[in-house]
Amino acid sequence: MTHPTGTQLDITLGDQSATVTGLGAGLRRYAVEGRDVVKGFGADEPVSGGRGQQLVPWPNRIRDGRYPWGGTTQQLWLTEPARHNASHGLARYVPWTVTEHGDSHVVCTLTIYPQPGWPGILHVRLRYALTDDGLHVTVEARNDGDADVPFGYGAHPYLTVGESSVDEVEVTLPAASRLEVDDRLLPVAVSPVEGTGLDLRERSRVGDRVLDTAYTDLAREADGGWTATLSREDRTAELWADSSFGWAQVFTGEKRRDVGLAVEPMTCGPDAFNPGPTHDGMRTLAPGQSLRLRWGIRGS
């Protein structure tokens, strides 16, 4: 039988278990002591809503699929046609190559070649590993071409603490600013969260809030990273990211409130390839240059 998300790569360590998919190298499930920490989906289901997907070489949206690069205008396929945007990169719906599969770790790789709107050759190596400190994800991206390329990365896990609706979840994210967007969810301005209903710096219940919000100005921990926490009764789920990640998207859903809370670590904000309020988060990789990024999830 061929699954809608390809090969199912199971890993375990003690009371932890996870499944990575060959399609998109996505995180389909992660559980601790038999309780879901990631709100996943079945092996017989197609992926939807970006669930567990890898967002490379850009996260979120690019306005009209266009951006200036190398003295010309690049034009990507519009993968969010209703808003006329290119969404979440080029790696979500292609099979990755599995180069290692141990009891508690999986390594997948992908090379993104030149195509409409993408001018270079980018090699990506992704390692999922179960550890005593939860699930660790290491991403290495290397420019294998002969010209500079733009770069951004994000991940799209939905976290859960056993809720029947995200309204029940308490969330904390140490971000002092958020991105104001237009009706196409594209950047308008970065503004403080102080005094708004979008301030998540103190633990608070989601309630009836509808969040599809990119946050930045994240308070850093001693190692330069940051942590978002979901809580409910005796359950917690944490997503942490290292110093490479300057943004986090929080998504509750609007019509569906039973599908978990997406907390998406991102190295840059929406539309970062274009001039505007998020452009300074875009990285440029020179030929042969590589980046190494780390994020992970804990649950109890």
Protein backbone atom coordinates (compact mmCIF):
# COMPACT_ATOMS: atom_id res chain seq x y z
CA MET A 1 0.00 0.00 0.00
CA THR A 2 1.26 3.48 -0.87
CA HIS A 3 0.37 6.07 1.76
CA PRO A 4 -0.75 9.60 0.78
CA THR A 5 2.38 10.96 2.50
CA GLY A 6 4.71 8.25 1.27
CA THR A 7 7.00 6.15 3.43
CA GLN A 8 6.20 6.24 7.16
CA LEU A 9 9.38 6.51 9.23
CA ASP A 10 8.75 5.52 12.85
CA ILE A 11 11.19 6.30 15.65
CA THR A 12 11.04 5.60 19.39
CA LEU A 13 13.00 6.32 22.56
CA GLY A 14 11.66 5.16 25.92
CA ASP A 15 8.12 6.53 26.25
CA GLN A 16 8.47 8.80 23.20
CA SER A 17 7.45 7.96 19.65
CA ALA A 18 7.23 9.91 16.39
CA THR A 19 6.55 9.38 12.71
CA VAL A 20 8.20 11.29 9.86
CA THR A 21 6.80 11.13 6.33
CA GLY A 22 8.81 10.57 3.18
CA LEU A 23 6.67 13.17 1.43
CA GLY A 24 7.98 16.57 2.48
CA ALA A 25 9.94 15.09 5.42
CA GLY A 26 6.98 16.14 7.55
CA LEU A 27 6.33 15.42 11.22
CA ARG A 28 3.12 13.39 11.15
CA ARG A 29 2.99 12.54 14.86
CA TYR A 30 4.88 12.91 18.15
CA ALA A 31 3.69 11.41 21.44
CA VAL A 32 5.01 11.07 24.99
CA GLU A 33 3.69 8.35 27.32
CA GLY A 34 1.06 7.54 24.72
CA ARG A 35 -0.32 11.11 24.72
CA ASP A 36 -0.11 13.26 21.61
CA VAL A 37 2.10 16.35 21.83
CA VAL A 38 1.72 17.05 18.11
CA LYS A 39 -1.80 17.07 16.70
CA GLY A 40 -1.08 14.86 13.73
CA PHE A 41 -3.05 12.83 11.24
CA GLY A 42 -3.43 9.23 10.14
CA ALA A 43 -1.10 7.33 7.84
CA ASP A 44 -4.03 6.84 5.44
CA GLU A 45 -4.79 10.59 5.27
CA PRO A 46 -3.28 13.26 3.02
CA VAL A 47 -1.57 16.17 4.74
CA SER A 48 -3.68 19.32 5.08
CA GLY A 49 -3.31 22.76 6.63
CA GLY A 50 0.49 22.60 6.42
CA ARG A 51 0.41 20.04 9.23
CA GLY A 52 3.97 19.16 10.26
CA GLN A 53 5.46 20.41 7.01
CA GLN A 54 8.91 21.85 6.29
CA LEU A 55 8.88 25.36 4.82
CA VAL A 56 11.97 25.96 2.69
CA PRO A 57 13.45 28.02 1.02
CA TRP A 58 10.91 30.45 2.50
CA PRO A 59 8.14 30.25 5.11
CA ASN A 60 4.74 31.92 4.90
CA ARG A 61 3.87 34.04 1.84
CA ILE A 62 5.53 35.90 -1.03
CA ARG A 63 3.41 38.67 -2.50
CA ASP A 64 2.20 37.74 -6.01
CA GLY A 65 4.95 35.11 -6.05
CA ARG A 66 7.38 37.83 -7.14
CA TYR A 67 10.60 39.18 -5.73
CA PRO A 68 13.68 40.96 -7.11
CA TRP A 69 16.85 38.89 -7.35
CA GLY A 70 19.98 38.93 -9.45
CA GLY A 71 18.93 41.99 -11.42
CA THR A 72 15.62 40.50 -12.53
CA THR A 73 12.15 39.77 -11.17
CA GLN A 74 11.64 36.16 -10.13
CA GLN A 75 8.13 34.73 -10.63
CA LEU A 76 7.09 31.71 -8.58
CA TRP A 77 4.03 29.53 -9.13
CA LEU A 78 1.06 30.86 -7.12
CA THR A 79 0.30 28.13 -4.61
CA GLU A 80 -2.18 30.25 -2.68
CA PRO A 81 -4.29 31.41 -5.65
CA ALA A 82 -7.18 32.86 -3.61
CA ARG A 83 -4.76 35.47 -2.20
CA HIS A 84 -2.46 35.52 -5.25
CA ASN A 85 0.58 34.47 -3.21
CA ALA A 86 3.31 31.84 -3.28
CA SER A 87 3.11 29.98 0.00
CA HIS A 88 5.48 27.99 2.22
CA GLY A 89 8.34 27.15 -0.11
CA LEU A 90 9.11 24.38 -2.57
CA ALA A 91 9.69 21.31 -0.41
CA ARG A 92 6.27 20.34 0.98
CA TYR A 93 4.90 18.05 -1.71
CA VAL A 94 8.01 16.34 -3.02
CA PRO A 95 9.58 13.11 -1.72
CA TRP A 96 12.78 13.56 0.26
CA THR A 97 15.60 11.01 0.26
CA VAL A 98 15.97 9.02 3.48
CA THR A 99 19.70 8.70 4.16
CA GLU A 100 19.53 7.36 7.74
CA HIS A 101 16.81 5.65 9.76
CA GLY A 102 17.82 4.46 13.21
CA ASP A 103 15.70 3.44 16.20
CA SER A 104 15.46 7.01 17.47
CA HIS A 105 16.47 9.21 14.54
CA VAL A 106 15.76 9.89 10.87
CA VAL A 107 17.77 11.91 8.34
CA CYS A 108 16.17 13.14 5.11
CA THR A 109 17.73 15.22 2.35
CA LEU A 110 16.47 17.23 -0.60
CA THR A 111 18.10 19.24 -3.37
CA ILE A 112 15.99 22.08 -4.77
CA TYR A 113 17.05 22.79 -8.35
CA PRO A 114 16.48 25.89 -10.51
CA GLN A 115 12.84 26.30 -11.56
CA PRO A 116 10.38 29.13 -12.23
CA GLY A 117 11.01 31.77 -9.57
CA TRP A 118 13.91 29.94 -7.92
CA PRO A 119 17.36 30.74 -9.32
CA GLY A 120 19.78 28.35 -7.59
CA ILE A 121 20.65 24.95 -6.20
CA LEU A 122 19.95 24.45 -2.49
CA HIS A 123 20.75 21.24 -0.63
CA VAL A 124 18.82 20.66 2.63
CA ARG A 125 19.57 18.03 5.28
CA LEU A 126 16.97 17.46 8.00
CA ARG A 127 17.56 15.35 11.11
CA TYR A 128 14.81 14.36 13.55
CA ALA A 129 16.10 12.80 16.78
CA LEU A 130 14.34 11.70 19.95
CA THR A 131 16.43 12.61 23.00
CA ASP A 132 16.03 12.72 26.76
CA ASP A 133 15.02 16.37 26.19
CA GLY A 134 12.30 15.58 23.67
CA LEU A 135 12.29 15.78 19.88
CA HIS A 136 15.19 17.71 18.36
CA VAL A 137 15.20 18.87 14.73
CA THR A 138 18.41 19.99 13.02
CA VAL A 139 18.28 21.67 9.61
CA GLU A 140 21.35 22.24 7.45
CA ALA A 141 20.99 24.23 4.23
CA ARG A 142 23.85 24.65 1.74
CA ASN A 143 24.07 26.63 -1.50
CA ASP A 144 25.39 24.14 -4.04
CA GLY A 145 25.09 26.50 -6.99
CA ASP A 146 27.38 29.14 -8.45
CA ALA A 147 25.37 32.25 -7.49
CA ASP A 148 23.86 33.76 -4.34
CA VAL A 149 20.36 32.59 -3.32
CA PRO A 150 17.83 34.03 -0.87
CA PHE A 151 16.91 31.84 2.08
CA GLY A 152 14.32 31.45 4.78
CA TYR A 153 13.07 28.45 6.76
CA GLY A 154 10.12 27.55 8.92
CA ALA A 155 8.31 24.52 10.31
CA HIS A 156 4.57 24.01 10.76
CA PRO A 157 3.78 21.71 13.71
CA TYR A 158 0.38 21.79 15.43
CA LEU A 159 0.77 21.26 19.18
CA THR A 160 -1.81 19.77 21.52
CA VAL A 161 -2.34 19.37 25.27
CA GLY A 162 -5.36 17.09 25.01
CA GLU A 163 -7.93 19.84 24.37
CA SER A 164 -11.22 19.33 22.53
CA SER A 165 -10.96 22.95 21.32
CA VAL A 166 -8.05 25.39 21.19
CA ASP A 167 -10.25 27.74 23.24
CA GLU A 168 -9.24 25.67 26.30
CA VAL A 169 -5.50 26.07 25.80
CA GLU A 170 -3.31 28.51 27.72
CA VAL A 171 -0.39 29.81 25.68
CA THR A 172 2.78 31.79 26.39
CA LEU A 173 5.05 33.31 23.74
CA PRO A 174 7.72 35.88 24.76
CA ALA A 175 7.19 38.22 21.80
CA ALA A 176 6.98 42.00 22.19
CA SER A 177 5.86 42.76 18.62
CA ARG A 178 3.55 41.38 15.97
CA LEU A 179 3.05 41.86 12.26
CA GLU A 180 0.06 43.83 11.05
CA VAL A 181 -1.23 42.42 7.76
CA ASP A 182 -3.71 43.27 5.02
CA ASP A 183 -6.59 41.12 3.75
CA ARG A 184 -4.10 38.97 1.83
CA LEU A 185 -2.18 38.35 5.08
CA LEU A 186 0.77 40.33 3.72
CA PRO A 187 2.92 42.72 5.80
CA VAL A 188 1.79 46.25 6.59
CA ALA A 189 3.83 47.14 9.69
CA VAL A 190 5.45 45.70 12.81
CA SER A 191 3.81 47.03 15.98
CA PRO A 192 3.96 46.38 19.76
CA VAL A 193 1.64 43.77 21.28
CA GLU A 194 1.32 45.88 24.44
CA GLY A 195 -2.32 46.74 25.09
CA THR A 196 -3.69 44.47 22.37
CA GLY A 197 -5.54 41.18 22.54
CA LEU A 198 -2.56 39.61 20.80
CA ASP A 199 -0.13 39.89 23.72
CA LEU A 200 0.95 36.35 24.70
CA ARG A 201 3.87 37.23 26.95
CA GLU A 202 1.90 36.30 30.06
CA ARG A 203 0.22 32.92 30.19
CA SER A 204 -3.35 33.37 29.01
CA ARG A 205 -6.23 31.30 27.70
CA VAL A 206 -6.85 31.39 23.97
CA GLY A 207 -10.61 31.68 24.51
CA ASP A 208 -12.45 33.02 21.49
CA ARG A 209 -9.40 34.70 19.97
CA VAL A 210 -8.70 33.94 16.31
CA LEU A 211 -4.95 34.03 15.76
CA ASP A 212 -3.08 33.86 12.48
CA THR A 213 -0.34 36.14 13.68
CA ALA A 214 3.39 36.48 13.05
CA TYR A 215 5.30 37.55 16.18
CA THR A 216 8.80 38.97 16.53
CA ASP A 217 11.06 40.79 19.04
CA LEU A 218 11.25 37.54 20.98
CA ALA A 219 12.78 37.66 24.46
CA ARG A 220 15.88 35.50 24.35
CA GLU A 221 17.04 32.91 26.83
CA ALA A 222 20.65 32.51 27.94
CA ASP A 223 21.54 30.45 24.85
CA GLY A 224 19.91 32.96 22.49
CA GLY A 225 16.83 30.88 21.83
CA TRP A 226 13.19 31.19 22.88
CA THR A 227 10.36 28.90 23.99
CA ALA A 228 6.60 28.89 23.42
CA THR A 229 4.46 26.95 25.93
CA LEU A 230 0.97 25.47 25.73
CA SER A 231 -0.72 24.39 28.97
CA ARG A 232 -3.97 22.71 30.03
CA GLU A 233 -4.61 21.04 33.38
CA ASP A 234 -1.59 18.75 33.97
CA ARG A 235 -0.41 18.82 30.36
CA THR A 236 2.23 21.01 28.73
CA ALA A 237 3.74 21.21 25.26
CA GLU A 238 6.78 23.36 24.51
CA LEU A 239 8.30 24.42 21.22
CA TRP A 240 11.80 25.85 21.41
CA ALA A 241 13.97 27.41 18.70
CA ASP A 242 17.56 28.55 18.58
CA SER A 243 18.92 32.04 17.94
CA SER A 244 18.46 31.69 14.16
CA PHE A 245 14.70 32.07 14.53
CA GLY A 246 13.50 35.66 14.77
CA TRP A 247 9.80 34.99 14.18
CA ALA A 248 6.98 32.70 15.31
CA GLN A 249 3.57 32.31 13.68
CA VAL A 250 0.65 31.30 15.94
CA PHE A 251 -2.45 29.89 14.23
CA THR A 252 -5.67 28.82 15.96
CA GLY A 253 -7.92 28.27 12.99
CA GLU A 254 -11.29 29.98 12.72
CA LYS A 255 -13.95 27.51 11.62
CA ARG A 256 -12.09 24.46 12.96
CA ARG A 257 -11.06 24.84 16.59
CA ASP A 258 -10.33 21.16 17.22
CA VAL A 259 -7.18 20.72 15.15
CA GLY A 260 -4.51 21.93 17.58
CA LEU A 261 -2.60 25.18 17.84
CA ALA A 262 0.07 25.73 15.19
CA VAL A 263 3.25 27.30 16.54
CA GLU A 264 5.63 27.86 13.63
CA PRO A 265 9.28 28.83 14.21
CA MET A 266 10.48 30.97 11.28
CA THR A 267 13.83 32.53 10.46
CA CYS A 268 12.05 35.39 8.70
CA GLY A 269 8.60 36.91 8.51
CA PRO A 270 6.07 36.82 5.65
CA ASP A 271 7.17 38.26 2.30
CA ALA A 272 10.76 38.62 3.50
CA PHE A 273 12.17 38.31 -0.03
CA ASN A 274 10.61 41.68 -0.91
CA PRO A 275 11.47 45.15 0.45
CA GLY A 276 9.27 45.94 3.44
CA PRO A 277 8.95 45.51 7.20
CA THR A 278 10.18 41.89 7.23
CA HIS A 279 12.96 42.08 4.64
CA ASP A 280 15.81 42.23 7.16
CA GLY A 281 15.06 38.63 8.16
CA MET A 282 15.95 37.23 4.75
CA ARG A 283 19.33 35.48 4.57
CA THR A 284 21.60 35.41 1.54
CA LEU A 285 23.61 32.24 0.98
CA ALA A 286 26.73 32.61 -1.15
CA PRO A 287 27.98 29.66 -3.23
CA GLY A 288 29.21 26.95 -0.87
CA GLN A 289 27.83 28.71 2.21
CA SER A 290 25.71 26.73 4.67
CA LEU A 291 23.49 27.41 7.68
CA ARG A 292 22.63 25.16 10.59
CA LEU A 293 19.38 25.69 12.52
CA ARG A 294 17.82 23.85 15.46
CA TRP A 295 14.36 23.64 17.01
CA GLY A 296 12.42 21.07 18.96
CA ILE A 297 9.36 19.99 20.95
CA ARG A 298 8.90 18.72 24.50
CA GLY A 299 5.76 17.39 26.11
CA SER A 300 4.53 16.17 29.48
